[in-house]
PDB file of N, CA and C in Angstrom:
ATOM      1  N   UNK A   1       0.818  -1.191   0.006  1.00  0.00           N
ATOM      2  CA  UNK A   1      -0.003  -0.003   0.018  1.00  0.00           C
ATOM      3  C   UNK A   1       0.892   1.264  -0.002  1.00  0.00           C
ATOM      4  N   UNK A   2       0.585   2.214  -0.814  1.00  0.00           N
ATOM      5  CA  UNK A   2       1.265   3.493  -0.841  1.00  0.00           C
ATOM      6  C   UNK A   2       0.446   4.507  -0.066  1.00  0.00           C
ATOM      7  N   UNK A   3       1.046   5.096   0.919  1.00  0.00           N
ATOM      8  CA  UNK A   3       0.372   6.052   1.785  1.00  0.00           C
ATOM      9  C   UNK A   3       0.657   7.447   1.284  1.00  0.00           C
ATOM     10  N   UNK A   4      -0.368   8.359   1.407  1.00  0.00           N
ATOM     11  CA  UNK A   4      -0.163   9.738   0.934  1.00  0.00           C
ATOM     12  C   UNK A   4       0.765  10.574   1.797  1.00  0.00           C
ATOM     13  N   UNK A   5       0.977  10.125   3.072  1.00  0.00           N
ATOM     14  CA  UNK A   5       1.800  10.834   4.012  1.00  0.00           C
ATOM     15  C   UNK A   5       2.377   9.864   5.016  1.00  0.00           C
ATOM     16  N   UNK A   6       3.543  10.196   5.578  1.00  0.00           N
ATOM     17  CA  UNK A   6       4.179   9.344   6.535  1.00  0.00           C
ATOM     18  C   UNK A   6       3.317   9.104   7.762  1.00  0.00           C
ATOM     19  N   UNK A   7       2.500  10.114   8.197  1.00  0.00           N
ATOM     20  CA  UNK A   7       1.591   9.893   9.305  1.00  0.00           C
ATOM     21  C   UNK A   7       0.627   8.791   9.016  1.00  0.00           C
ATOM     22  N   UNK A   8       0.148   8.669   7.809  1.00  0.00           N
ATOM     23  CA  UNK A   8      -0.808   7.630   7.466  1.00  0.00           C
ATOM     24  C   UNK A   8      -0.128   6.243   7.537  1.00  0.00           C
ATOM     25  N   UNK A   9       1.098   6.198   7.187  1.00  0.00           N
ATOM     26  CA  UNK A   9       1.846   4.891   7.251  1.00  0.00           C
ATOM     27  C   UNK A   9       2.124   4.519   8.708  1.00  0.00           C
ATOM     28  N   UNK A  10       2.468   5.490   9.524  1.00  0.00           N
ATOM     29  CA  UNK A  10       2.861   5.181  10.934  1.00  0.00           C
ATOM     30  C   UNK A  10       1.652   4.924  11.838  1.00  0.00           C
ATOM     31  N   UNK A  11       0.473   5.424  11.510  1.00  0.00           N
ATOM     32  CA  UNK A  11      -0.644   5.331  12.430  1.00  0.00           C
ATOM     33  C   UNK A  11      -1.183   3.876  12.504  1.00  0.00           C
ATOM     34  N   UNK A  12      -1.120   3.111  11.479  1.00  0.00           N
ATOM     35  CA  UNK A  12      -1.703   1.780  11.478  1.00  0.00           C
ATOM     36  C   UNK A  12      -0.785   0.789  12.182  1.00  0.00           C
ATOM     37  N   UNK A  13      -1.342  -0.014  13.079  1.00  0.00           N
ATOM     38  CA  UNK A  13      -0.524  -1.027  13.772  1.00  0.00           C
ATOM     39  C   UNK A  13      -0.221  -2.199  12.900  1.00  0.00           C
ATOM     40  N   UNK A  14       0.874  -2.891  13.198  1.00  0.00           N
ATOM     41  CA  UNK A  14       1.230  -4.138  12.548  1.00  0.00           C
ATOM     42  C   UNK A  14       0.671  -5.260  13.452  1.00  0.00           C
ATOM     43  N   UNK A  15       0.140  -6.263  12.834  1.00  0.00           N
ATOM     44  CA  UNK A  15      -0.405  -7.461  13.550  1.00  0.00           C
ATOM     45  C   UNK A  15       0.604  -8.578  13.422  1.00  0.00           C
ATOM     46  N   UNK A  16       1.044  -9.119  14.567  1.00  0.00           N
ATOM     47  CA  UNK A  16       2.037 -10.183  14.563  1.00  0.00           C
ATOM     48  C   UNK A  16       1.438 -11.375  15.278  1.00  0.00           C
ATOM     49  N   UNK A  17       1.320 -12.506  14.602  1.00  0.00           N
ATOM     50  CA  UNK A  17       0.803 -13.722  15.242  1.00  0.00           C
ATOM     51  C   UNK A  17       1.912 -14.321  16.131  1.00  0.00           C
ATOM     52  N   UNK A  18       1.588 -14.458  17.412  1.00  0.00           N
ATOM     53  CA  UNK A  18       2.508 -15.058  18.339  1.00  0.00           C
ATOM     54  C   UNK A  18       2.232 -16.566  18.519  1.00  0.00           C
ATOM     55  N   UNK A  19       0.976 -16.930  18.562  1.00  0.00           N
ATOM     56  CA  UNK A  19       0.562 -18.305  18.654  1.00  0.00           C
ATOM     57  C   UNK A  19      -0.782 -18.399  17.862  1.00  0.00           C
ATOM     58  N   UNK A  20      -1.365 -19.564  17.858  1.00  0.00           N
ATOM     59  CA  UNK A  20      -2.652 -19.706  17.145  1.00  0.00           C
ATOM     60  C   UNK A  20      -3.751 -18.835  17.732  1.00  0.00           C
ATOM     61  N   UNK A  21      -3.628 -18.502  19.024  1.00  0.00           N
ATOM     62  CA  UNK A  21      -4.683 -17.743  19.670  1.00  0.00           C
ATOM     63  C   UNK A  21      -4.259 -16.388  20.187  1.00  0.00           C
ATOM     64  N   UNK A  22      -3.029 -15.971  19.894  1.00  0.00           N
ATOM     65  CA  UNK A  22      -2.528 -14.680  20.386  1.00  0.00           C
ATOM     66  C   UNK A  22      -1.932 -13.884  19.228  1.00  0.00           C
ATOM     67  N   UNK A  23      -2.469 -12.655  19.114  1.00  0.00           N
ATOM     68  CA  UNK A  23      -1.917 -11.704  18.092  1.00  0.00           C
ATOM     69  C   UNK A  23      -1.443 -10.484  18.793  1.00  0.00           C
ATOM     70  N   UNK A  24      -0.205 -10.094  18.504  1.00  0.00           N
ATOM     71  CA  UNK A  24       0.399  -8.921  19.061  1.00  0.00           C
ATOM     72  C   UNK A  24       0.054  -7.697  18.151  1.00  0.00           C
ATOM     73  N   UNK A  25      -0.372  -6.591  18.734  1.00  0.00           N
ATOM     74  CA  UNK A  25      -0.583  -5.384  18.004  1.00  0.00           C
ATOM     75  C   UNK A  25       0.570  -4.480  18.262  1.00  0.00           C
ATOM     76  N   UNK A  26       1.381  -4.138  17.270  1.00  0.00           N
ATOM     77  CA  UNK A  26       2.565  -3.342  17.389  1.00  0.00           C
ATOM     78  C   UNK A  26       2.365  -1.968  16.714  1.00  0.00           C
ATOM     79  N   UNK A  27       2.492  -0.918  17.499  1.00  0.00           N
ATOM     80  CA  UNK A  27       2.402   0.458  16.941  1.00  0.00           C
ATOM     81  C   UNK A  27       3.803   1.023  16.756  1.00  0.00           C
ATOM     82  N   UNK A  28       3.989   1.575  15.586  1.00  0.00           N
ATOM     83  CA  UNK A  28       5.249   2.287  15.355  1.00  0.00           C
ATOM     84  C   UNK A  28       5.349   3.509  16.262  1.00  0.00           C
ATOM     85  N   UNK A  29       4.241   4.208  16.394  1.00  0.00           N
ATOM     86  CA  UNK A  29       4.165   5.356  17.269  1.00  0.00           C
ATOM     87  C   UNK A  29       2.723   5.491  17.797  1.00  0.00           C
ATOM     88  N   UNK A  30       2.597   5.830  19.044  1.00  0.00           N
ATOM     89  CA  UNK A  30       1.236   5.950  19.610  1.00  0.00           C
ATOM     90  C   UNK A  30       0.692   7.336  19.349  1.00  0.00           C
ATOM     91  N   UNK A  31      -0.592   7.487  19.463  1.00  0.00           N
ATOM     92  CA  UNK A  31      -1.301   8.796  19.510  1.00  0.00           C
ATOM     93  C   UNK A  31      -1.452   9.468  18.126  1.00  0.00           C
ATOM     94  N   UNK A  32      -1.018   8.829  17.084  1.00  0.00           N
ATOM     95  CA  UNK A  32      -1.141   9.495  15.758  1.00  0.00           C
ATOM     96  C   UNK A  32      -2.608   9.584  15.345  1.00  0.00           C
ATOM     97  N   UNK A  33      -3.377   8.535  15.591  1.00  0.00           N
ATOM     98  CA  UNK A  33      -4.802   8.599  15.228  1.00  0.00           C
ATOM     99  C   UNK A  33      -5.476   9.772  15.927  1.00  0.00           C
ATOM    100  N   UNK A  34      -5.268   9.954  17.216  1.00  0.00           N
ATOM    101  CA  UNK A  34      -5.931  11.018  17.931  1.00  0.00           C
ATOM    102  C   UNK A  34      -5.414  12.404  17.491  1.00  0.00           C
ATOM    103  N   UNK A  35      -4.133  12.510  17.228  1.00  0.00           N
ATOM    104  CA  UNK A  35      -3.619  13.819  16.786  1.00  0.00           C
ATOM    105  C   UNK A  35      -4.178  14.178  15.401  1.00  0.00           C
ATOM    106  N   UNK A  36      -4.191  13.177  14.485  1.00  0.00           N
ATOM    107  CA  UNK A  36      -4.770  13.462  13.167  1.00  0.00           C
ATOM    108  C   UNK A  36      -6.235  13.827  13.285  1.00  0.00           C
ATOM    109  N   UNK A  37      -7.007  13.142  14.126  1.00  0.00           N
ATOM    110  CA  UNK A  37      -8.414  13.482  14.321  1.00  0.00           C
ATOM    111  C   UNK A  37      -8.615  14.863  14.884  1.00  0.00           C
ATOM    112  N   UNK A  38      -7.762  15.223  15.890  1.00  0.00           N
ATOM    113  CA  UNK A  38      -7.906  16.513  16.488  1.00  0.00           C
ATOM    114  C   UNK A  38      -7.585  17.654  15.509  1.00  0.00           C
ATOM    115  N   UNK A  39      -6.524  17.505  14.767  1.00  0.00           N
ATOM    116  CA  UNK A  39      -6.183  18.536  13.753  1.00  0.00           C
ATOM    117  C   UNK A  39      -7.221  18.631  12.630  1.00  0.00           C
ATOM    118  N   UNK A  40      -7.666  17.458  12.166  1.00  0.00           N
ATOM    119  CA  UNK A  40      -8.727  17.461  11.150  1.00  0.00           C
ATOM    120  C   UNK A  40      -9.994  18.154  11.643  1.00  0.00           C
ATOM    121  N   UNK A  41     -10.346  17.897  12.912  1.00  0.00           N
ATOM    122  CA  UNK A  41     -11.529  18.530  13.531  1.00  0.00           C
ATOM    123  C   UNK A  41     -11.351  20.064  13.522  1.00  0.00           C
ATOM    124  N   UNK A  42     -10.191  20.526  13.955  1.00  0.00           N
ATOM    125  CA  UNK A  42      -9.946  21.993  13.949  1.00  0.00           C
ATOM    126  C   UNK A  42     -10.044  22.585  12.585  1.00  0.00           C
ATOM    127  N   UNK A  43      -9.544  21.868  11.581  1.00  0.00           N
ATOM    128  CA  UNK A  43      -9.629  22.345  10.208  1.00  0.00           C
ATOM    129  C   UNK A  43     -11.080  22.326   9.718  1.00  0.00           C
ATOM    130  N   UNK A  44     -11.798  21.237   9.968  1.00  0.00           N
ATOM    131  CA  UNK A  44     -13.180  21.151   9.489  1.00  0.00           C
ATOM    132  C   UNK A  44     -14.078  22.197  10.128  1.00  0.00           C
ATOM    133  N   UNK A  45     -13.850  22.562  11.379  1.00  0.00           N
ATOM    134  CA  UNK A  45     -14.617  23.626  12.019  1.00  0.00           C
ATOM    135  C   UNK A  45     -14.243  25.039  11.646  1.00  0.00           C
ATOM    136  N   UNK A  46     -13.072  25.143  10.925  1.00  0.00           N
ATOM    137  CA  UNK A  46     -12.596  26.455  10.576  1.00  0.00           C
ATOM    138  C   UNK A  46     -11.855  27.147  11.664  1.00  0.00           C
ATOM    139  N   UNK A  47     -11.544  26.419  12.743  1.00  0.00           N
ATOM    140  CA  UNK A  47     -10.781  26.990  13.876  1.00  0.00           C
ATOM    141  C   UNK A  47      -9.373  27.385  13.429  1.00  0.00           C
ATOM    142  N   UNK A  48      -8.786  26.553  12.587  1.00  0.00           N
ATOM    143  CA  UNK A  48      -7.458  26.848  12.013  1.00  0.00           C
ATOM    144  C   UNK A  48      -7.530  26.588  10.538  1.00  0.00           C
ATOM    145  N   UNK A  49      -6.552  27.199   9.817  1.00  0.00           N
ATOM    146  CA  UNK A  49      -6.421  27.029   8.358  1.00  0.00           C
ATOM    147  C   UNK A  49      -5.046  26.575   8.015  1.00  0.00           C
ATOM    148  N   UNK A  50      -4.870  25.858   6.920  1.00  0.00           N
ATOM    149  CA  UNK A  50      -3.516  25.456   6.516  1.00  0.00           C
ATOM    150  C   UNK A  50      -2.594  26.673   6.460  1.00  0.00           C
ATOM    151  N   UNK A  51      -1.383  26.478   6.926  1.00  0.00           N
ATOM    152  CA  UNK A  51      -0.376  27.544   6.973  1.00  0.00           C
ATOM    153  C   UNK A  51      -0.264  28.199   8.327  1.00  0.00           C
ATOM    154  N   UNK A  52      -1.254  28.041   9.198  1.00  0.00           N
ATOM    155  CA  UNK A  52      -1.207  28.557  10.517  1.00  0.00           C
ATOM    156  C   UNK A  52      -0.385  27.671  11.396  1.00  0.00           C
ATOM    157  N   UNK A  53      -0.117  28.136  12.628  1.00  0.00           N
ATOM    158  CA  UNK A  53       0.739  27.440  13.577  1.00  0.00           C
ATOM    159  C   UNK A  53      -0.056  26.979  14.773  1.00  0.00           C
ATOM    160  N   UNK A  54       0.041  25.699  15.125  1.00  0.00           N
ATOM    161  CA  UNK A  54      -0.538  25.178  16.342  1.00  0.00           C
ATOM    162  C   UNK A  54       0.580  25.150  17.396  1.00  0.00           C
ATOM    163  N   UNK A  55       0.229  25.554  18.638  1.00  0.00           N
ATOM    164  CA  UNK A  55       1.136  25.514  19.739  1.00  0.00           C
ATOM    165  C   UNK A  55       0.570  24.618  20.804  1.00  0.00           C
ATOM    166  N   UNK A  56       1.361  23.707  21.313  1.00  0.00           N
ATOM    167  CA  UNK A  56       0.900  22.795  22.339  1.00  0.00           C
ATOM    168  C   UNK A  56       2.010  22.537  23.354  1.00  0.00           C
ATOM    169  N   UNK A  57       1.601  22.162  24.559  1.00  0.00           N
ATOM    170  CA  UNK A  57       2.618  21.828  25.554  1.00  0.00           C
ATOM    171  C   UNK A  57       2.646  20.267  25.641  1.00  0.00           C
ATOM    172  N   UNK A  58       3.812  19.703  25.620  1.00  0.00           N
ATOM    173  CA  UNK A  58       3.964  18.257  25.662  1.00  0.00           C
ATOM    174  C   UNK A  58       5.362  17.908  26.015  1.00  0.00           C
ATOM    175  N   UNK A  59       5.545  16.712  26.419  1.00  0.00           N
ATOM    176  CA  UNK A  59       6.930  16.300  26.698  1.00  0.00           C
ATOM    177  C   UNK A  59       7.305  15.013  26.008  1.00  0.00           C
ATOM    178  N   UNK A  60       6.529  14.620  24.990  1.00  0.00           N
ATOM    179  CA  UNK A  60       6.939  13.370  24.369  1.00  0.00           C
ATOM    180  C   UNK A  60       6.124  12.915  23.196  1.00  0.00           C
ATOM    181  N   UNK A  61       5.475  11.759  23.360  1.00  0.00           N
ATOM    182  CA  UNK A  61       4.846  11.035  22.255  1.00  0.00           C
ATOM    183  C   UNK A  61       3.785  11.882  21.591  1.00  0.00           C
ATOM    184  N   UNK A  62       2.907  12.582  22.352  1.00  0.00           N
ATOM    185  CA  UNK A  62       1.895  13.372  21.690  1.00  0.00           C
ATOM    186  C   UNK A  62       2.459  14.502  20.853  1.00  0.00           C
ATOM    187  N   UNK A  63       3.544  15.065  21.286  1.00  0.00           N
ATOM    188  CA  UNK A  63       4.210  16.145  20.539  1.00  0.00           C
ATOM    189  C   UNK A  63       4.652  15.617  19.145  1.00  0.00           C
ATOM    190  N   UNK A  64       5.210  14.441  19.159  1.00  0.00           N
ATOM    191  CA  UNK A  64       5.627  13.813  17.894  1.00  0.00           C
ATOM    192  C   UNK A  64       4.426  13.569  17.001  1.00  0.00           C
ATOM    193  N   UNK A  65       3.373  13.022  17.568  1.00  0.00           N
ATOM    194  CA  UNK A  65       2.168  12.771  16.780  1.00  0.00           C
ATOM    195  C   UNK A  65       1.530  14.058  16.256  1.00  0.00           C
ATOM    196  N   UNK A  66       1.489  15.062  17.076  1.00  0.00           N
ATOM    197  CA  UNK A  66       0.926  16.351  16.668  1.00  0.00           C
ATOM    198  C   UNK A  66       1.743  16.997  15.539  1.00  0.00           C
ATOM    199  N   UNK A  67       3.068  16.895  15.661  1.00  0.00           N
ATOM    200  CA  UNK A  67       3.923  17.430  14.590  1.00  0.00           C
ATOM    201  C   UNK A  67       3.656  16.721  13.261  1.00  0.00           C
ATOM    202  N   UNK A  68       3.481  15.389  13.288  1.00  0.00           N
ATOM    203  CA  UNK A  68       3.163  14.637  12.112  1.00  0.00           C
ATOM    204  C   UNK A  68       1.806  15.053  11.546  1.00  0.00           C
ATOM    205  N   UNK A  69       0.818  15.208  12.422  1.00  0.00           N
ATOM    206  CA  UNK A  69      -0.521  15.625  11.954  1.00  0.00           C
ATOM    207  C   UNK A  69      -0.500  17.018  11.349  1.00  0.00           C
ATOM    208  N   UNK A  70       0.214  17.957  11.979  1.00  0.00           N
ATOM    209  CA  UNK A  70       0.303  19.309  11.439  1.00  0.00           C
ATOM    210  C   UNK A  70       0.995  19.245  10.068  1.00  0.00           C
ATOM    211  N   UNK A  71       2.028  18.516   9.939  1.00  0.00           N
ATOM    212  CA  UNK A  71       2.730  18.402   8.648  1.00  0.00           C
ATOM    213  C   UNK A  71       1.736  17.812   7.584  1.00  0.00           C
ATOM    214  N   UNK A  72       1.003  16.792   8.020  1.00  0.00           N
ATOM    215  CA  UNK A  72       0.081  16.117   7.098  1.00  0.00           C
ATOM    216  C   UNK A  72      -0.969  17.091   6.524  1.00  0.00           C
ATOM    217  N   UNK A  73      -1.433  18.034   7.370  1.00  0.00           N
ATOM    218  CA  UNK A  73      -2.474  18.917   6.974  1.00  0.00           C
ATOM    219  C   UNK A  73      -2.028  20.379   6.662  1.00  0.00           C
ATOM    220  N   UNK A  74      -0.732  20.518   6.482  1.00  0.00           N
ATOM    221  CA  UNK A  74      -0.223  21.816   6.047  1.00  0.00           C
ATOM    222  C   UNK A  74      -0.185  22.892   7.101  1.00  0.00           C
ATOM    223  N   UNK A  75      -0.003  22.484   8.342  1.00  0.00           N
ATOM    224  CA  UNK A  75       0.114  23.471   9.446  1.00  0.00           C
ATOM    225  C   UNK A  75       1.494  23.457   9.982  1.00  0.00           C
ATOM    226  N   UNK A  76       1.894  24.536  10.631  1.00  0.00           N
ATOM    227  CA  UNK A  76       3.160  24.538  11.357  1.00  0.00           C
ATOM    228  C   UNK A  76       2.868  24.179  12.819  1.00  0.00           C
ATOM    229  N   UNK A  77       3.894  23.815  13.539  1.00  0.00           N
ATOM    230  CA  UNK A  77       3.714  23.296  14.892  1.00  0.00           C
ATOM    231  C   UNK A  77       4.836  23.695  15.800  1.00  0.00           C
ATOM    232  N   UNK A  78       4.490  24.254  16.960  1.00  0.00           N
ATOM    233  CA  UNK A  78       5.469  24.548  17.979  1.00  0.00           C
ATOM    234  C   UNK A  78       5.091  23.810  19.257  1.00  0.00           C
ATOM    235  N   UNK A  79       6.073  23.113  19.827  1.00  0.00           N
ATOM    236  CA  UNK A  79       5.849  22.411  21.083  1.00  0.00           C
ATOM    237  C   UNK A  79       6.608  23.076  22.168  1.00  0.00           C
ATOM    238  N   UNK A  80       5.924  23.329  23.247  1.00  0.00           N
ATOM    239  CA  UNK A  80       6.523  23.920  24.435  1.00  0.00           C
ATOM    240  C   UNK A  80       6.665  22.821  25.482  1.00  0.00           C
ATOM    241  N   UNK A  81       7.837  22.566  25.921  1.00  0.00           N
ATOM    242  CA  UNK A  81       8.079  21.489  26.911  1.00  0.00           C
ATOM    243  C   UNK A  81       8.611  22.086  28.201  1.00  0.00           C
ATOM    244  N   UNK A  82       8.401  21.364  29.254  1.00  0.00           N
ATOM    245  CA  UNK A  82       8.922  21.753  30.561  1.00  0.00           C
ATOM    246  C   UNK A  82      10.434  21.751  30.539  1.00  0.00           C
ATOM    247  N   UNK A  83      11.019  22.583  31.361  1.00  0.00           N
ATOM    248  CA  UNK A  83      12.499  22.613  31.516  1.00  0.00           C
ATOM    249  C   UNK A  83      13.014  21.350  32.103  1.00  0.00           C
ATOM    250  N   UNK A  84      12.150  20.504  32.659  1.00  0.00           N
ATOM    251  CA  UNK A  84      12.617  19.228  33.198  1.00  0.00           C
ATOM    252  C   UNK A  84      12.771  18.172  32.132  1.00  0.00           C
ATOM    253  N   UNK A  85      12.370  18.421  30.926  1.00  0.00           N
ATOM    254  CA  UNK A  85      12.504  17.464  29.818  1.00  0.00           C
ATOM    255  C   UNK A  85      13.984  17.455  29.411  1.00  0.00           C
ATOM    256  N   UNK A  86      14.514  16.269  29.214  1.00  0.00           N
ATOM    257  CA  UNK A  86      15.912  16.194  28.777  1.00  0.00           C
ATOM    258  C   UNK A  86      16.108  16.811  27.383  1.00  0.00           C
ATOM    259  N   UNK A  87      17.296  17.309  27.150  1.00  0.00           N
ATOM    260  CA  UNK A  87      17.593  17.865  25.844  1.00  0.00           C
ATOM    261  C   UNK A  87      17.450  16.820  24.749  1.00  0.00           C
TER     262      UNK A  87
END
């Protein structure tokens, strides 16, 4: 399958059969579905428009997912993190 954007490729989990009755669900990165949905919702409501900048506070995985979602939909993204986050 050819994905239109890297976020679309990363959001879907891989299914790995461990035994006849156990399947492992492996995510490349978490929270991409929710970030894509949140950004799409903001765009659909007219709250933001492509080219604008979203600013969020985060210290990890959601920041990565939000950056992917913003890139996917033509927005810029700034993440503000606590000073306690490692460089």
